[in-house]
Amino acid sequence: MEFKEYRLFELSKDNKGYYGIGASAVEYDKNLYTYLRITDIKDDGSLNYSNLKSVNDENVNKFILENGDIVFARTGNSTGKSYYYDGEILNLVYAGFLIKFSLNDKKVNPKFIKYYTMTNEYKNWVKEIQTGSTRGNINEKMYGNMRIKLPPRYYQDEVVSLLDKIDKKIKINNQINDNLLNVA
């Protein structure tokens, strides 16, 4: 099977990434947009629902995630964390310390990139590329130039399907464990 190398920007809809909105978080309000911050992203790329906030800003519409978008943490100890948006929360707005790439699903299965960001190859790239002596940083250009070797699309789809099934089983097992702990 032949793998082809791309840069992340080549896989995005408009060949670049976008910085999030520079607005302050407010207490969660179901009538406002939900605000995605670095602290809301777990190490495994899932959302931490325990302390979600909202955002109230007139420019919020420019920063709403669309299904298949992926955001990357750009600074601090969280540099390199990523979150794949699957539409689970409507009107999710991404914060300023995140960089969004809207991936072209004709070129790549966006969820394949999500799983790529969990690999040692990606984590090593983050360690090598981040700048800053005390506080790591990866900007939009650096993320955009990240090289990714991709298998053919049909194989990406097969890998995503398999990993989704495993993720679902892990989630169910974790829920069972939580229920057992609550009963004990």
N, C-alpha and C. Protein backbone atom coordinates (compact mmCIF):
# COMPACT_ATOMS: atom_id res chain seq x y z
N MET A 1 0.85 -1.18 0.00
CA MET A 1 0.00 0.00 0.00
C MET A 1 0.89 1.24 0.00
N GLU A 2 0.53 2.18 -0.83
CA GLU A 2 1.33 3.39 -0.96
C GLU A 2 0.78 4.51 -0.08
N PHE A 3 1.67 5.08 0.72
CA PHE A 3 1.33 6.24 1.53
C PHE A 3 1.82 7.48 0.81
N LYS A 4 1.07 8.56 0.92
CA LYS A 4 1.44 9.81 0.29
C LYS A 4 1.57 10.87 1.37
N GLU A 5 2.63 11.68 1.27
CA GLU A 5 2.86 12.71 2.29
C GLU A 5 2.19 14.03 1.91
N TYR A 6 1.52 14.61 2.90
CA TYR A 6 0.87 15.91 2.76
C TYR A 6 1.27 16.79 3.93
N ARG A 7 1.09 18.07 3.73
CA ARG A 7 1.15 19.00 4.86
C ARG A 7 -0.29 19.27 5.26
N LEU A 8 -0.50 19.55 6.53
CA LEU A 8 -1.86 19.73 7.03
C LEU A 8 -2.62 20.79 6.23
N PHE A 9 -1.95 21.89 5.89
CA PHE A 9 -2.66 22.95 5.16
C PHE A 9 -3.17 22.46 3.81
N GLU A 10 -2.49 21.49 3.20
CA GLU A 10 -2.93 20.95 1.91
C GLU A 10 -4.21 20.13 2.04
N LEU A 11 -4.51 19.70 3.23
CA LEU A 11 -5.70 18.88 3.48
C LEU A 11 -6.88 19.72 3.94
N SER A 12 -6.63 21.01 4.18
CA SER A 12 -7.71 21.87 4.68
C SER A 12 -8.46 22.52 3.53
N LYS A 13 -9.67 22.96 3.84
CA LYS A 13 -10.56 23.52 2.81
C LYS A 13 -9.99 24.78 2.17
N ASP A 14 -9.35 25.62 2.96
CA ASP A 14 -8.82 26.86 2.39
C ASP A 14 -7.33 27.05 2.66
N ASN A 15 -6.63 25.94 2.79
CA ASN A 15 -5.17 25.91 2.89
C ASN A 15 -4.58 26.68 4.06
N LYS A 16 -5.34 26.80 5.15
CA LYS A 16 -4.78 27.44 6.34
C LYS A 16 -5.64 27.13 7.56
N GLY A 17 -5.10 27.50 8.71
CA GLY A 17 -5.82 27.35 9.96
C GLY A 17 -6.25 28.71 10.46
N TYR A 18 -7.09 28.72 11.48
CA TYR A 18 -7.64 29.96 12.03
C TYR A 18 -7.54 29.98 13.54
N TYR A 19 -7.09 31.11 14.07
CA TYR A 19 -7.05 31.30 15.51
C TYR A 19 -8.47 31.55 16.02
N GLY A 20 -8.72 31.11 17.25
CA GLY A 20 -10.03 31.27 17.86
C GLY A 20 -10.30 32.68 18.33
N ILE A 21 -11.48 32.86 18.88
CA ILE A 21 -11.94 34.17 19.34
C ILE A 21 -11.24 34.54 20.66
N GLY A 22 -10.83 35.77 20.75
CA GLY A 22 -10.19 36.28 21.96
C GLY A 22 -11.23 36.91 22.87
N ALA A 23 -12.05 36.10 23.48
CA ALA A 23 -13.11 36.59 24.36
C ALA A 23 -13.04 35.87 25.69
N SER A 24 -13.57 36.51 26.71
CA SER A 24 -13.59 35.90 28.04
C SER A 24 -14.73 34.91 28.15
N ALA A 25 -14.49 33.87 28.92
CA ALA A 25 -15.54 32.89 29.20
C ALA A 25 -16.48 33.45 30.26
N VAL A 26 -17.74 33.07 30.16
CA VAL A 26 -18.74 33.42 31.18
C VAL A 26 -19.36 32.11 31.67
N GLU A 27 -20.06 32.20 32.79
CA GLU A 27 -20.71 31.00 33.31
C GLU A 27 -21.60 30.37 32.24
N TYR A 28 -21.70 29.06 32.27
CA TYR A 28 -22.48 28.36 31.26
C TYR A 28 -23.93 28.82 31.27
N ASP A 29 -24.44 29.09 30.07
CA ASP A 29 -25.82 29.53 29.90
C ASP A 29 -26.34 28.86 28.63
N LYS A 30 -27.40 28.07 28.75
CA LYS A 30 -27.91 27.33 27.59
C LYS A 30 -28.39 28.26 26.48
N ASN A 31 -28.59 29.54 26.76
CA ASN A 31 -29.03 30.50 25.75
C ASN A 31 -27.86 31.16 25.02
N LEU A 32 -26.64 30.85 25.46
CA LEU A 32 -25.43 31.38 24.81
C LEU A 32 -24.69 30.23 24.13
N TYR A 33 -23.66 30.57 23.38
CA TYR A 33 -22.82 29.56 22.74
C TYR A 33 -21.91 28.90 23.77
N THR A 34 -21.68 27.61 23.60
CA THR A 34 -20.74 26.90 24.45
C THR A 34 -19.33 27.23 23.98
N TYR A 35 -18.44 27.47 24.94
CA TYR A 35 -17.09 27.94 24.67
C TYR A 35 -16.09 26.81 24.87
N LEU A 36 -15.37 26.44 23.83
CA LEU A 36 -14.35 25.40 23.91
C LEU A 36 -13.00 26.04 24.20
N ARG A 37 -12.45 25.69 25.36
CA ARG A 37 -11.14 26.20 25.78
C ARG A 37 -10.15 25.04 25.87
N ILE A 38 -8.87 25.35 25.95
CA ILE A 38 -7.85 24.31 26.08
C ILE A 38 -8.17 23.39 27.25
N THR A 39 -8.61 23.97 28.36
CA THR A 39 -8.86 23.18 29.57
C THR A 39 -10.04 22.23 29.43
N ASP A 40 -10.84 22.40 28.39
CA ASP A 40 -11.99 21.52 28.16
C ASP A 40 -11.62 20.27 27.37
N ILE A 41 -10.38 20.21 26.89
CA ILE A 41 -9.94 19.08 26.06
C ILE A 41 -9.09 18.14 26.91
N LYS A 42 -9.53 16.89 27.00
CA LYS A 42 -8.77 15.88 27.74
C LYS A 42 -7.58 15.40 26.90
N ASP A 43 -6.66 14.73 27.55
CA ASP A 43 -5.48 14.21 26.84
C ASP A 43 -5.83 13.25 25.72
N ASP A 44 -6.96 12.55 25.85
CA ASP A 44 -7.36 11.60 24.81
C ASP A 44 -8.16 12.26 23.68
N GLY A 45 -8.28 13.59 23.72
CA GLY A 45 -8.98 14.31 22.66
C GLY A 45 -10.48 14.42 22.85
N SER A 46 -10.98 13.92 23.96
CA SER A 46 -12.42 14.03 24.24
C SER A 46 -12.68 15.29 25.07
N LEU A 47 -13.96 15.61 25.24
CA LEU A 47 -14.33 16.80 26.00
C LEU A 47 -14.50 16.50 27.47
N ASN A 48 -14.07 17.45 28.29
CA ASN A 48 -14.31 17.41 29.72
C ASN A 48 -15.56 18.26 29.96
N TYR A 49 -16.65 17.62 30.26
CA TYR A 49 -17.93 18.31 30.41
C TYR A 49 -18.12 18.92 31.80
N SER A 50 -17.21 18.69 32.71
CA SER A 50 -17.43 19.06 34.11
C SER A 50 -17.44 20.57 34.37
N ASN A 51 -16.83 21.36 33.51
CA ASN A 51 -16.76 22.79 33.78
C ASN A 51 -16.91 23.62 32.51
N LEU A 52 -17.84 23.24 31.64
CA LEU A 52 -18.03 23.98 30.40
C LEU A 52 -18.49 25.40 30.69
N LYS A 53 -18.06 26.32 29.86
CA LYS A 53 -18.43 27.73 29.97
C LYS A 53 -19.13 28.16 28.69
N SER A 54 -19.61 29.38 28.71
CA SER A 54 -20.23 29.98 27.53
C SER A 54 -19.42 31.19 27.12
N VAL A 55 -19.78 31.75 25.97
CA VAL A 55 -19.15 32.98 25.48
C VAL A 55 -20.25 33.89 24.98
N ASN A 56 -20.07 35.18 25.26
CA ASN A 56 -21.05 36.19 24.85
C ASN A 56 -20.28 37.31 24.17
N ASP A 57 -20.20 37.25 22.86
CA ASP A 57 -19.41 38.22 22.09
C ASP A 57 -20.10 38.44 20.75
N GLU A 58 -20.06 39.67 20.26
CA GLU A 58 -20.76 39.99 19.00
C GLU A 58 -20.14 39.30 17.79
N ASN A 59 -18.87 38.89 17.87
CA ASN A 59 -18.19 38.25 16.74
C ASN A 59 -18.23 36.72 16.78
N VAL A 60 -19.03 36.18 17.67
CA VAL A 60 -19.03 34.75 17.93
C VAL A 60 -19.33 33.90 16.67
N ASN A 61 -20.13 34.39 15.75
CA ASN A 61 -20.51 33.61 14.57
C ASN A 61 -19.34 33.21 13.68
N LYS A 62 -18.25 33.97 13.74
CA LYS A 62 -17.08 33.67 12.92
C LYS A 62 -16.26 32.50 13.47
N PHE A 63 -16.60 32.06 14.69
CA PHE A 63 -15.77 31.08 15.38
C PHE A 63 -16.52 29.81 15.77
N ILE A 64 -17.64 29.55 15.12
CA ILE A 64 -18.42 28.35 15.41
C ILE A 64 -17.82 27.17 14.63
N LEU A 65 -17.57 26.09 15.34
CA LEU A 65 -17.01 24.90 14.69
C LEU A 65 -18.04 24.22 13.81
N GLU A 66 -17.56 23.64 12.72
CA GLU A 66 -18.40 22.85 11.82
C GLU A 66 -18.00 21.39 11.93
N ASN A 67 -18.94 20.52 11.65
CA ASN A 67 -18.68 19.09 11.72
C ASN A 67 -17.43 18.72 10.93
N GLY A 68 -16.51 17.99 11.56
CA GLY A 68 -15.28 17.58 10.90
C GLY A 68 -14.10 18.50 11.13
N ASP A 69 -14.32 19.65 11.77
CA ASP A 69 -13.21 20.55 12.10
C ASP A 69 -12.35 19.91 13.19
N ILE A 70 -11.08 20.27 13.19
CA ILE A 70 -10.19 19.84 14.26
C ILE A 70 -9.48 21.07 14.79
N VAL A 71 -9.37 21.16 16.11
CA VAL A 71 -8.66 22.29 16.73
C VAL A 71 -7.46 21.75 17.49
N PHE A 72 -6.42 22.58 17.53
CA PHE A 72 -5.17 22.24 18.20
C PHE A 72 -4.85 23.30 19.24
N ALA A 73 -4.38 22.85 20.41
CA ALA A 73 -3.90 23.77 21.43
C ALA A 73 -2.56 24.31 20.98
N ARG A 74 -2.38 25.62 21.12
CA ARG A 74 -1.18 26.23 20.56
C ARG A 74 -0.16 26.69 21.58
N THR A 75 -0.48 26.64 22.87
CA THR A 75 0.46 27.18 23.84
C THR A 75 0.37 26.49 25.20
N GLY A 76 1.44 26.60 25.96
CA GLY A 76 1.47 26.08 27.33
C GLY A 76 1.68 24.58 27.40
N ASN A 77 1.38 24.03 28.57
CA ASN A 77 1.55 22.59 28.80
C ASN A 77 0.63 21.76 27.92
N SER A 78 -0.41 22.38 27.41
CA SER A 78 -1.38 21.66 26.57
C SER A 78 -1.04 21.69 25.10
N THR A 79 0.07 22.32 24.73
CA THR A 79 0.44 22.43 23.33
C THR A 79 0.39 21.05 22.67
N GLY A 80 -0.34 20.99 21.55
CA GLY A 80 -0.45 19.74 20.81
C GLY A 80 -1.74 18.99 21.05
N LYS A 81 -2.43 19.29 22.15
CA LYS A 81 -3.72 18.63 22.37
C LYS A 81 -4.63 18.96 21.20
N SER A 82 -5.49 18.02 20.86
CA SER A 82 -6.40 18.27 19.74
C SER A 82 -7.81 17.81 20.10
N TYR A 83 -8.77 18.38 19.39
CA TYR A 83 -10.17 17.98 19.56
C TYR A 83 -10.83 17.96 18.19
N TYR A 84 -11.46 16.84 17.88
CA TYR A 84 -12.21 16.66 16.64
C TYR A 84 -13.67 16.96 16.93
N TYR A 85 -14.25 17.87 16.16
CA TYR A 85 -15.64 18.27 16.39
C TYR A 85 -16.57 17.43 15.52
N ASP A 86 -17.46 16.70 16.18
CA ASP A 86 -18.40 15.82 15.47
C ASP A 86 -19.84 16.31 15.55
N GLY A 87 -20.05 17.53 16.01
CA GLY A 87 -21.39 18.09 16.08
C GLY A 87 -22.14 17.73 17.34
N GLU A 88 -21.46 17.07 18.28
CA GLU A 88 -22.11 16.62 19.51
C GLU A 88 -22.74 17.77 20.29
N ILE A 89 -22.07 18.90 20.35
CA ILE A 89 -22.60 20.10 21.01
C ILE A 89 -22.84 21.13 19.91
N LEU A 90 -24.07 21.59 19.79
CA LEU A 90 -24.38 22.59 18.77
C LEU A 90 -23.76 23.93 19.13
N ASN A 91 -23.36 24.68 18.11
CA ASN A 91 -22.83 26.03 18.29
C ASN A 91 -21.68 26.09 19.27
N LEU A 92 -20.68 25.26 19.04
CA LEU A 92 -19.47 25.25 19.86
C LEU A 92 -18.47 26.24 19.26
N VAL A 93 -18.05 27.19 20.09
CA VAL A 93 -17.15 28.27 19.67
C VAL A 93 -15.77 27.99 20.25
N TYR A 94 -14.72 28.11 19.43
CA TYR A 94 -13.38 27.79 19.91
C TYR A 94 -12.63 29.06 20.33
N ALA A 95 -11.89 28.92 21.43
CA ALA A 95 -11.20 30.04 22.07
C ALA A 95 -9.88 30.39 21.37
N GLY A 96 -9.32 31.51 21.76
CA GLY A 96 -8.14 32.08 21.12
C GLY A 96 -6.87 31.27 21.23
N PHE A 97 -6.75 30.41 22.22
CA PHE A 97 -5.54 29.60 22.33
C PHE A 97 -5.65 28.30 21.55
N LEU A 98 -6.67 28.21 20.70
CA LEU A 98 -6.86 27.06 19.83
C LEU A 98 -6.76 27.50 18.37
N ILE A 99 -6.31 26.60 17.53
CA ILE A 99 -6.21 26.85 16.09
C ILE A 99 -7.06 25.80 15.38
N LYS A 100 -7.96 26.28 14.52
CA LYS A 100 -8.89 25.38 13.81
C LYS A 100 -8.43 25.13 12.38
N PHE A 101 -8.53 23.87 11.98
CA PHE A 101 -8.37 23.50 10.57
C PHE A 101 -9.65 22.82 10.13
N SER A 102 -10.25 23.36 9.07
CA SER A 102 -11.43 22.73 8.46
C SER A 102 -10.92 21.83 7.35
N LEU A 103 -11.01 20.54 7.56
CA LEU A 103 -10.42 19.59 6.63
C LEU A 103 -11.34 19.27 5.47
N ASN A 104 -10.74 19.10 4.31
CA ASN A 104 -11.47 18.79 3.09
C ASN A 104 -11.70 17.28 3.04
N ASP A 105 -12.95 16.87 3.23
CA ASP A 105 -13.23 15.43 3.31
C ASP A 105 -13.12 14.71 1.96
N LYS A 106 -12.86 15.44 0.91
CA LYS A 106 -12.56 14.79 -0.38
C LYS A 106 -11.09 14.36 -0.43
N LYS A 107 -10.27 15.02 0.40
CA LYS A 107 -8.84 14.71 0.43
C LYS A 107 -8.46 13.76 1.57
N VAL A 108 -9.20 13.85 2.68
CA VAL A 108 -8.83 13.08 3.87
C VAL A 108 -10.08 12.83 4.71
N ASN A 109 -10.10 11.71 5.40
CA ASN A 109 -11.14 11.48 6.39
C ASN A 109 -10.73 12.30 7.61
N PRO A 110 -11.47 13.36 7.96
CA PRO A 110 -11.05 14.23 9.07
C PRO A 110 -10.82 13.47 10.37
N LYS A 111 -11.59 12.43 10.59
CA LYS A 111 -11.43 11.67 11.83
C LYS A 111 -10.11 10.89 11.83
N PHE A 112 -9.58 10.58 10.65
CA PHE A 112 -8.27 9.93 10.57
C PHE A 112 -7.21 10.85 11.16
N ILE A 113 -7.34 12.14 10.90
CA ILE A 113 -6.39 13.11 11.47
C ILE A 113 -6.54 13.15 12.99
N LYS A 114 -7.76 13.06 13.48
CA LYS A 114 -7.97 12.99 14.93
C LYS A 114 -7.15 11.84 15.50
N TYR A 115 -7.29 10.66 14.90
CA TYR A 115 -6.56 9.50 15.41
C TYR A 115 -5.06 9.65 15.20
N TYR A 116 -4.66 10.31 14.14
CA TYR A 116 -3.23 10.56 13.92
C TYR A 116 -2.64 11.35 15.09
N THR A 117 -3.42 12.30 15.62
CA THR A 117 -2.90 13.14 16.71
C THR A 117 -2.75 12.37 18.02
N MET A 118 -3.13 11.12 18.04
CA MET A 118 -2.94 10.28 19.23
C MET A 118 -1.72 9.38 19.10
N THR A 119 -1.03 9.46 17.97
CA THR A 119 0.12 8.59 17.72
C THR A 119 1.40 9.15 18.33
N ASN A 120 2.36 8.27 18.54
CA ASN A 120 3.68 8.72 19.01
C ASN A 120 4.35 9.61 17.98
N GLU A 121 4.13 9.33 16.71
CA GLU A 121 4.71 10.16 15.65
C GLU A 121 4.29 11.61 15.82
N TYR A 122 3.00 11.84 16.04
CA TYR A 122 2.49 13.20 16.25
C TYR A 122 3.06 13.81 17.53
N LYS A 123 3.02 13.05 18.61
CA LYS A 123 3.50 13.57 19.90
C LYS A 123 4.98 13.93 19.84
N ASN A 124 5.77 13.14 19.14
CA ASN A 124 7.19 13.46 18.96
C ASN A 124 7.36 14.73 18.13
N TRP A 125 6.53 14.89 17.10
CA TRP A 125 6.58 16.11 16.29
C TRP A 125 6.30 17.33 17.16
N VAL A 126 5.31 17.24 18.03
CA VAL A 126 4.97 18.35 18.93
C VAL A 126 6.18 18.70 19.80
N LYS A 127 6.82 17.70 20.38
CA LYS A 127 7.99 17.94 21.24
C LYS A 127 9.12 18.62 20.48
N GLU A 128 9.33 18.21 19.24
CA GLU A 128 10.42 18.75 18.44
C GLU A 128 10.16 20.16 17.93
N ILE A 129 8.91 20.46 17.59
CA ILE A 129 8.61 21.69 16.87
C ILE A 129 8.27 22.86 17.78
N GLN A 130 7.74 22.61 18.97
CA GLN A 130 7.27 23.72 19.78
C GLN A 130 8.43 24.64 20.17
N THR A 131 8.13 25.92 20.15
CA THR A 131 9.12 26.93 20.48
C THR A 131 8.80 27.53 21.84
N GLY A 132 9.76 28.24 22.39
CA GLY A 132 9.57 28.88 23.69
C GLY A 132 10.32 28.11 24.75
N SER A 133 11.08 28.83 25.56
CA SER A 133 11.93 28.15 26.53
C SER A 133 11.15 27.64 27.73
N THR A 134 10.16 28.39 28.21
CA THR A 134 9.42 27.96 29.39
C THR A 134 7.99 27.56 29.08
N ARG A 135 7.47 28.09 28.01
CA ARG A 135 6.07 27.81 27.66
C ARG A 135 6.01 27.46 26.18
N GLY A 136 5.77 26.18 25.89
CA GLY A 136 5.75 25.72 24.50
C GLY A 136 4.71 26.44 23.66
N ASN A 137 4.98 26.53 22.37
CA ASN A 137 4.08 27.24 21.47
C ASN A 137 4.22 26.64 20.07
N ILE A 138 3.09 26.41 19.41
CA ILE A 138 3.07 26.03 18.00
C ILE A 138 2.05 26.91 17.32
N ASN A 139 2.49 27.70 16.34
CA ASN A 139 1.56 28.63 15.68
C ASN A 139 0.86 27.98 14.48
N GLU A 140 -0.02 28.73 13.86
CA GLU A 140 -0.83 28.23 12.75
C GLU A 140 0.03 27.75 11.59
N LYS A 141 1.09 28.48 11.26
CA LYS A 141 1.97 28.10 10.15
C LYS A 141 2.66 26.77 10.45
N MET A 142 3.11 26.61 11.70
CA MET A 142 3.79 25.37 12.07
C MET A 142 2.84 24.18 11.96
N TYR A 143 1.63 24.34 12.50
CA TYR A 143 0.65 23.26 12.36
C TYR A 143 0.35 23.00 10.88
N GLY A 144 0.18 24.06 10.12
CA GLY A 144 -0.13 23.92 8.70
C GLY A 144 0.95 23.18 7.93
N ASN A 145 2.20 23.34 8.36
CA ASN A 145 3.33 22.68 7.68
C ASN A 145 3.63 21.28 8.22
N MET A 146 2.86 20.84 9.19
CA MET A 146 3.05 19.49 9.74
C MET A 146 2.86 18.47 8.62
N ARG A 147 3.83 17.58 8.49
CA ARG A 147 3.78 16.54 7.46
C ARG A 147 3.04 15.31 7.99
N ILE A 148 2.15 14.80 7.16
CA ILE A 148 1.35 13.63 7.53
C ILE A 148 1.38 12.65 6.36
N LYS A 149 1.76 11.41 6.64
CA LYS A 149 1.73 10.38 5.60
C LYS A 149 0.38 9.68 5.67
N LEU A 150 -0.33 9.72 4.55
CA LEU A 150 -1.68 9.16 4.50
C LEU A 150 -1.76 7.95 3.59
N PRO A 151 -2.48 6.93 4.05
CA PRO A 151 -2.79 5.81 3.16
C PRO A 151 -3.93 6.24 2.23
N PRO A 152 -4.29 5.41 1.26
CA PRO A 152 -5.44 5.74 0.40
C PRO A 152 -6.70 5.96 1.23
N ARG A 153 -7.64 6.72 0.70
CA ARG A 153 -8.84 7.11 1.44
C ARG A 153 -9.64 5.89 1.92
N TYR A 154 -9.80 4.88 1.09
CA TYR A 154 -10.58 3.71 1.51
C TYR A 154 -9.99 3.09 2.78
N TYR A 155 -8.65 3.10 2.88
CA TYR A 155 -7.99 2.53 4.05
C TYR A 155 -8.16 3.43 5.27
N GLN A 156 -8.11 4.75 5.06
CA GLN A 156 -8.39 5.69 6.16
C GLN A 156 -9.77 5.39 6.75
N ASP A 157 -10.75 5.21 5.86
CA ASP A 157 -12.12 4.95 6.31
C ASP A 157 -12.20 3.65 7.12
N GLU A 158 -11.48 2.62 6.68
CA GLU A 158 -11.48 1.35 7.41
C GLU A 158 -10.85 1.51 8.80
N VAL A 159 -9.74 2.23 8.86
CA VAL A 159 -9.06 2.46 10.14
C VAL A 159 -9.97 3.24 11.08
N VAL A 160 -10.60 4.29 10.57
CA VAL A 160 -11.51 5.11 11.40
C VAL A 160 -12.67 4.26 11.91
N SER A 161 -13.24 3.44 11.05
CA SER A 161 -14.35 2.58 11.46
C SER A 161 -13.94 1.65 12.60
N LEU A 162 -12.79 1.04 12.46
CA LEU A 162 -12.29 0.13 13.49
C LEU A 162 -12.02 0.87 14.80
N LEU A 163 -11.32 2.00 14.73
CA LEU A 163 -10.99 2.75 15.94
C LEU A 163 -12.23 3.34 16.60
N ASP A 164 -13.22 3.74 15.81
CA ASP A 164 -14.49 4.22 16.38
C ASP A 164 -15.16 3.12 17.20
N LYS A 165 -15.14 1.90 16.68
CA LYS A 165 -15.75 0.77 17.41
C LYS A 165 -15.02 0.54 18.74
N ILE A 166 -13.71 0.61 18.70
CA ILE A 166 -12.92 0.42 19.93
C ILE A 166 -13.22 1.55 20.91
N ASP A 167 -13.26 2.79 20.43
CA ASP A 167 -13.58 3.94 21.30
C ASP A 167 -14.94 3.78 21.96
N LYS A 168 -15.90 3.31 21.18
CA LYS A 168 -17.26 3.12 21.71
C LYS A 168 -17.25 2.08 22.84
N LYS A 169 -16.52 0.99 22.63
CA LYS A 169 -16.43 -0.05 23.66
C LYS A 169 -15.73 0.47 24.92
N ILE A 170 -14.69 1.26 24.73
CA ILE A 170 -13.99 1.86 25.88
C ILE A 170 -14.93 2.76 26.66
N LYS A 171 -15.70 3.56 25.95
CA LYS A 171 -16.66 4.47 26.60
C LYS A 171 -17.69 3.69 27.41
N ILE A 172 -18.22 2.62 26.82
CA ILE A 172 -19.20 1.78 27.52
C ILE A 172 -18.57 1.14 28.76
N ASN A 173 -17.35 0.62 28.62
CA ASN A 173 -16.66 0.01 29.77
C ASN A 173 -16.42 1.03 30.88
N ASN A 174 -16.04 2.25 30.50
CA ASN A 174 -15.83 3.30 31.51
C ASN A 174 -17.13 3.64 32.22
N GLN A 175 -18.24 3.67 31.48
CA GLN A 175 -19.54 3.95 32.10
C GLN A 175 -19.93 2.83 33.07
N ILE A 176 -19.67 1.59 32.68
CA ILE A 176 -19.95 0.46 33.57
C ILE A 176 -19.11 0.56 34.84
N ASN A 177 -17.82 0.87 34.67
CA ASN A 177 -16.94 1.03 35.84
C ASN A 177 -17.43 2.14 36.76
N ASP A 178 -17.83 3.27 36.18
CA ASP A 178 -18.35 4.38 36.98
C ASP A 178 -19.60 3.96 37.74
N ASN A 179 -20.49 3.24 37.07
CA ASN A 179 -21.72 2.76 37.72
C ASN A 179 -21.40 1.81 38.87
N LEU A 180 -20.44 0.91 38.66
CA LEU A 180 -20.05 -0.03 39.72
C LEU A 180 -19.44 0.70 40.91
N LEU A 181 -18.63 1.72 40.64
CA LEU A 181 -18.05 2.50 41.73
C LEU A 181 -19.12 3.24 42.52
N ASN A 182 -20.13 3.73 41.83
CA ASN A 182 -21.22 4.44 42.51
C ASN A 182 -22.06 3.51 43.37
N VAL A 183 -22.18 2.26 42.96
CA VAL A 183 -22.96 1.28 43.72
C VAL A 183 -22.18 0.79 44.94
N ALA A 184 -20.87 0.69 44.81
CA ALA A 184 -20.02 0.13 45.88
C ALA A 184 -20.00 0.97 47.13
